Amino acid sequence: MFFEGAPQLLRAGITIPRVHDGDPERICVEAYPGLLARALIGRRPYKQDDPRKQSPEREQPRRELLTMILDGRTRSAYGLEIQAPLSLADDPGGDTLDALLCAIQTAWAWTQQAHDDGQPTAPGSPRPIPMPVSDPLEGWIADPHLLNG
């Protein structure tokens, strides 16, 4: 994905905090839906891209994951109240549910603009003036579970 996505992001002229200065009104952060999913349902598989391998056993974790989000289990960490249709759990490939998980992480990062967009900090480094620990060539995943400052 990196080799396909990175050149397109560069051509789009967006800003990737601490990685690339572009249009300051168009900011891009990296989200990773599996991180948030694991925080809620552990390592239980909830999706399958290959239609031949999709099974009903993965539907229950998808429904539990969505129910946890809608019931407010993400509110304390992400500071957001989420509303979404229950049909997001219907997709066995998990793309619609993953889109919601990424939207939650991205919305949280937006709320962290005064704190380096949620960038992890060195242990013991004070916020909001943290010592950044993200690699400027790699960036970081926008998620409060990764903060260590």
C-alpha atoms as a PDB file:
ATOM      1  CA  MET A   1       0.000   0.000   0.000  1.00  0.00           C
ATOM      2  CA  PHE A   2       2.794   2.416   0.825  1.00  0.00           C
ATOM      3  CA  PHE A   3       4.254   2.329  -2.683  1.00  0.00           C
ATOM      4  CA  GLU A   4       0.832   3.058  -4.180  1.00  0.00           C
ATOM      5  CA  GLY A   5      -0.418   5.553  -1.602  1.00  0.00           C
ATOM      6  CA  ALA A   6       2.634   7.654  -0.746  1.00  0.00           C
ATOM      7  CA  PRO A   7       3.189   9.124  -4.226  1.00  0.00           C
ATOM      8  CA  GLN A   8      -0.505   9.997  -4.476  1.00  0.00           C
ATOM      9  CA  LEU A   9      -0.425  11.751  -1.095  1.00  0.00           C
ATOM     10  CA  LEU A  10       2.655  13.690  -2.174  1.00  0.00           C
ATOM     11  CA  ARG A  11       1.010  14.742  -5.443  1.00  0.00           C
ATOM     12  CA  ALA A  12      -2.126  15.785  -3.534  1.00  0.00           C
ATOM     13  CA  GLY A  13      -0.061  18.349  -1.636  1.00  0.00           C
ATOM     14  CA  ILE A  14      -1.486  17.479   1.781  1.00  0.00           C
ATOM     15  CA  THR A  15       0.265  17.921   5.113  1.00  0.00           C
ATOM     16  CA  ILE A  16       1.375  14.831   6.979  1.00  0.00           C
ATOM     17  CA  PRO A  17       2.382  16.169  10.411  1.00  0.00           C
ATOM     18  CA  ARG A  18       6.116  15.857  11.071  1.00  0.00           C
ATOM     19  CA  VAL A  19       6.557  13.976   7.800  1.00  0.00           C
ATOM     20  CA  HIS A  20       5.647  16.358   4.954  1.00  0.00           C
ATOM     21  CA  ASP A  21       4.655  20.013   4.893  1.00  0.00           C
ATOM     22  CA  GLY A  22       1.890  20.674   2.419  1.00  0.00           C
ATOM     23  CA  ASP A  23      -1.427  22.464   2.527  1.00  0.00           C
ATOM     24  CA  PRO A  24      -1.996  23.180   6.252  1.00  0.00           C
ATOM     25  CA  GLU A  25      -5.766  23.036   5.706  1.00  0.00           C
ATOM     26  CA  ARG A  26      -5.551  19.445   4.407  1.00  0.00           C
ATOM     27  CA  ILE A  27      -3.997  17.168   7.001  1.00  0.00           C
ATOM     28  CA  CYS A  28      -3.484  13.433   6.666  1.00  0.00           C
ATOM     29  CA  VAL A  29      -2.848  11.006   9.517  1.00  0.00           C
ATOM     30  CA  GLU A  30      -2.424   7.247   9.451  1.00  0.00           C
ATOM     31  CA  ALA A  31      -5.103   5.085  11.011  1.00  0.00           C
ATOM     32  CA  TYR A  32      -4.923   1.350  11.644  1.00  0.00           C
ATOM     33  CA  PRO A  33      -8.318  -0.237  12.332  1.00  0.00           C
ATOM     34  CA  GLY A  34      -6.881  -3.470  13.735  1.00  0.00           C
ATOM     35  CA  LEU A  35      -5.375  -1.553  16.646  1.00  0.00           C
ATOM     36  CA  LEU A  36      -8.747  -0.271  17.806  1.00  0.00           C
ATOM     37  CA  ALA A  37     -10.461  -3.594  17.064  1.00  0.00           C
ATOM     38  CA  ARG A  38      -7.925  -5.493  19.210  1.00  0.00           C
ATOM     39  CA  ALA A  39      -8.402  -3.002  22.052  1.00  0.00           C
ATOM     40  CA  LEU A  40     -12.095  -3.943  22.098  1.00  0.00           C
ATOM     41  CA  ILE A  41     -12.375  -7.618  21.070  1.00  0.00           C
ATOM     42  CA  GLY A  42      -8.840  -8.900  21.426  1.00  0.00           C
ATOM     43  CA  ARG A  43      -7.359 -10.890  18.581  1.00  0.00           C
ATOM     44  CA  ARG A  44     -10.597 -12.549  17.523  1.00  0.00           C
ATOM     45  CA  PRO A  45     -10.921 -12.427  13.742  1.00  0.00           C
ATOM     46  CA  TYR A  46     -13.822 -10.276  12.588  1.00  0.00           C
ATOM     47  CA  LYS A  47     -13.314 -10.059   8.828  1.00  0.00           C
ATOM     48  CA  GLN A  48     -12.080 -11.975   5.808  1.00  0.00           C
ATOM     49  CA  ASP A  49     -11.264 -10.499   2.402  1.00  0.00           C
ATOM     50  CA  ASP A  50     -11.430 -13.797   0.527  1.00  0.00           C
ATOM     51  CA  PRO A  51     -15.117 -14.619  -0.134  1.00  0.00           C
ATOM     52  CA  ARG A  52     -14.274 -18.347  -0.167  1.00  0.00           C
ATOM     53  CA  LYS A  53     -13.006 -18.122   3.416  1.00  0.00           C
ATOM     54  CA  GLN A  54     -15.760 -15.931   4.854  1.00  0.00           C
ATOM     55  CA  SER A  55     -17.693 -17.656   7.616  1.00  0.00           C
ATOM     56  CA  PRO A  56     -20.554 -16.951  10.025  1.00  0.00           C
ATOM     57  CA  GLU A  57     -18.111 -17.284  12.955  1.00  0.00           C
ATOM     58  CA  ARG A  58     -16.692 -13.853  12.132  1.00  0.00           C
ATOM     59  CA  GLU A  59     -20.083 -12.138  12.166  1.00  0.00           C
ATOM     60  CA  GLN A  60     -20.457 -12.293  15.956  1.00  0.00           C
ATOM     61  CA  PRO A  61     -17.150 -10.475  16.668  1.00  0.00           C
ATOM     62  CA  ARG A  62     -18.100  -7.793  14.098  1.00  0.00           C
ATOM     63  CA  ARG A  63     -21.442  -7.256  15.822  1.00  0.00           C
ATOM     64  CA  GLU A  64     -19.807  -7.184  19.278  1.00  0.00           C
ATOM     65  CA  LEU A  65     -17.205  -4.711  18.061  1.00  0.00           C
ATOM     66  CA  LEU A  66     -19.819  -2.365  16.624  1.00  0.00           C
ATOM     67  CA  THR A  67     -22.049  -2.710  19.687  1.00  0.00           C
ATOM     68  CA  MET A  68     -19.136  -1.830  21.988  1.00  0.00           C
ATOM     69  CA  ILE A  69     -18.429   1.282  19.941  1.00  0.00           C
ATOM     70  CA  LEU A  70     -22.070   2.372  19.862  1.00  0.00           C
ATOM     71  CA  ASP A  71     -22.451   1.677  23.602  1.00  0.00           C
ATOM     72  CA  GLY A  72     -19.619   4.116  24.352  1.00  0.00           C
ATOM     73  CA  ARG A  73     -16.684   1.795  25.059  1.00  0.00           C
ATOM     74  CA  THR A  74     -14.429   4.076  23.002  1.00  0.00           C
ATOM     75  CA  ARG A  75     -15.644   7.320  24.594  1.00  0.00           C
ATOM     76  CA  SER A  76     -13.094   7.530  27.415  1.00  0.00           C
ATOM     77  CA  ALA A  77     -10.035   6.935  25.234  1.00  0.00           C
ATOM     78  CA  TYR A  78     -11.151   8.792  22.107  1.00  0.00           C
ATOM     79  CA  GLY A  79     -13.474  11.417  23.618  1.00  0.00           C
ATOM     80  CA  LEU A  80     -16.105  10.831  20.956  1.00  0.00           C
ATOM     81  CA  GLU A  81     -19.691   9.704  20.935  1.00  0.00           C
ATOM     82  CA  ILE A  82     -20.283   7.467  17.933  1.00  0.00           C
ATOM     83  CA  GLN A  83     -23.487   6.957  16.006  1.00  0.00           C
ATOM     84  CA  ALA A  84     -23.570   4.508  13.111  1.00  0.00           C
ATOM     85  CA  PRO A  85     -25.981   2.047  11.524  1.00  0.00           C
ATOM     86  CA  LEU A  86     -25.931  -1.545  12.759  1.00  0.00           C
ATOM     87  CA  SER A  87     -25.617  -2.622   9.128  1.00  0.00           C
ATOM     88  CA  LEU A  88     -21.896  -1.756   9.245  1.00  0.00           C
ATOM     89  CA  ALA A  89     -21.368  -5.191  10.784  1.00  0.00           C
ATOM     90  CA  ASP A  90     -23.044  -6.953   7.836  1.00  0.00           C
ATOM     91  CA  ASP A  91     -20.005  -6.752   5.526  1.00  0.00           C
ATOM     92  CA  PRO A  92     -18.006 -10.004   5.932  1.00  0.00           C
ATOM     93  CA  GLY A  93     -14.963  -8.310   4.385  1.00  0.00           C
ATOM     94  CA  GLY A  94     -15.053  -5.770   7.213  1.00  0.00           C
ATOM     95  CA  ASP A  95     -14.390  -2.760   4.985  1.00  0.00           C
ATOM     96  CA  THR A  96     -17.314  -0.692   6.275  1.00  0.00           C
ATOM     97  CA  LEU A  97     -16.500  -1.470   9.895  1.00  0.00           C
ATOM     98  CA  ASP A  98     -12.812  -0.726   9.283  1.00  0.00           C
ATOM     99  CA  ALA A  99     -13.826   2.622   7.770  1.00  0.00           C
ATOM    100  CA  LEU A 100     -15.645   3.472  11.009  1.00  0.00           C
ATOM    101  CA  LEU A 101     -12.632   2.421  13.101  1.00  0.00           C
ATOM    102  CA  CYS A 102     -10.356   4.620  10.968  1.00  0.00           C
ATOM    103  CA  ALA A 103     -12.814   7.513  11.223  1.00  0.00           C
ATOM    104  CA  ILE A 104     -12.724   7.230  15.022  1.00  0.00           C
ATOM    105  CA  GLN A 105      -8.921   7.311  15.068  1.00  0.00           C
ATOM    106  CA  THR A 106      -8.822  10.207  12.599  1.00  0.00           C
ATOM    107  CA  ALA A 107     -11.438  12.226  14.488  1.00  0.00           C
ATOM    108  CA  TRP A 108      -9.462  11.691  17.690  1.00  0.00           C
ATOM    109  CA  ALA A 109      -6.284  12.942  15.970  1.00  0.00           C
ATOM    110  CA  TRP A 110      -8.187  16.058  14.865  1.00  0.00           C
ATOM    111  CA  THR A 111      -9.031  16.760  18.513  1.00  0.00           C
ATOM    112  CA  GLN A 112      -5.312  16.483  19.320  1.00  0.00           C
ATOM    113  CA  GLN A 113      -4.053  19.275  17.068  1.00  0.00           C
ATOM    114  CA  ALA A 114      -2.815  21.256  20.062  1.00  0.00           C
ATOM    115  CA  HIS A 115      -0.896  18.140  21.149  1.00  0.00           C
ATOM    116  CA  ASP A 116       1.058  17.331  17.973  1.00  0.00           C
ATOM    117  CA  ASP A 117      -1.935  15.565  16.418  1.00  0.00           C
ATOM    118  CA  GLY A 118      -1.683  12.739  18.931  1.00  0.00           C
ATOM    119  CA  GLN A 119       1.913  11.918  18.118  1.00  0.00           C
ATOM    120  CA  PRO A 120       3.526   9.619  20.700  1.00  0.00           C
ATOM    121  CA  THR A 121       5.993  11.287  23.025  1.00  0.00           C
ATOM    122  CA  ALA A 122       9.094  10.163  24.822  1.00  0.00           C
ATOM    123  CA  PRO A 123       8.388   8.686  28.262  1.00  0.00           C
ATOM    124  CA  GLY A 124       8.227  11.461  30.845  1.00  0.00           C
ATOM    125  CA  SER A 125       8.099  14.184  28.217  1.00  0.00           C
ATOM    126  CA  PRO A 126       5.511  16.826  29.180  1.00  0.00           C
ATOM    127  CA  ARG A 127       2.536  17.522  26.964  1.00  0.00           C
ATOM    128  CA  PRO A 128       1.679  19.764  25.113  1.00  0.00           C
ATOM    129  CA  ILE A 129       5.399  20.293  24.409  1.00  0.00           C
ATOM    130  CA  PRO A 130       6.444  16.683  23.862  1.00  0.00           C
ATOM    131  CA  MET A 131       9.683  15.299  22.639  1.00  0.00           C
ATOM    132  CA  PRO A 132       8.549  13.581  19.444  1.00  0.00           C
ATOM    133  CA  VAL A 133       9.515   9.968  19.051  1.00  0.00           C
ATOM    134  CA  SER A 134       7.978   9.266  15.672  1.00  0.00           C
ATOM    135  CA  ASP A 135      10.334   8.660  12.787  1.00  0.00           C
ATOM    136  CA  PRO A 136       9.937  11.463  10.219  1.00  0.00           C
ATOM    137  CA  LEU A 137      10.254   8.861   7.468  1.00  0.00           C
ATOM    138  CA  GLU A 138       7.659   6.557   9.015  1.00  0.00           C
ATOM    139  CA  GLY A 139       5.183   8.767  10.865  1.00  0.00           C
ATOM    140  CA  TRP A 140       2.884   7.159  13.427  1.00  0.00           C
ATOM    141  CA  ILE A 141      -0.566   5.661  13.773  1.00  0.00           C
ATOM    142  CA  ALA A 142      -3.107   8.087  15.208  1.00  0.00           C
ATOM    143  CA  ASP A 143      -4.467   6.340  18.282  1.00  0.00           C
ATOM    144  CA  PRO A 144      -4.575   7.229  21.990  1.00  0.00           C
ATOM    145  CA  HIS A 145      -3.539   3.672  22.910  1.00  0.00           C
ATOM    146  CA  LEU A 146      -0.084   4.440  21.504  1.00  0.00           C
ATOM    147  CA  LEU A 147       0.538   7.540  23.604  1.00  0.00           C
ATOM    148  CA  ASN A 148       3.237   7.099  26.176  1.00  0.00           C
ATOM    149  CA  GLY A 149       3.759  10.635  27.368  1.00  0.00           C
END
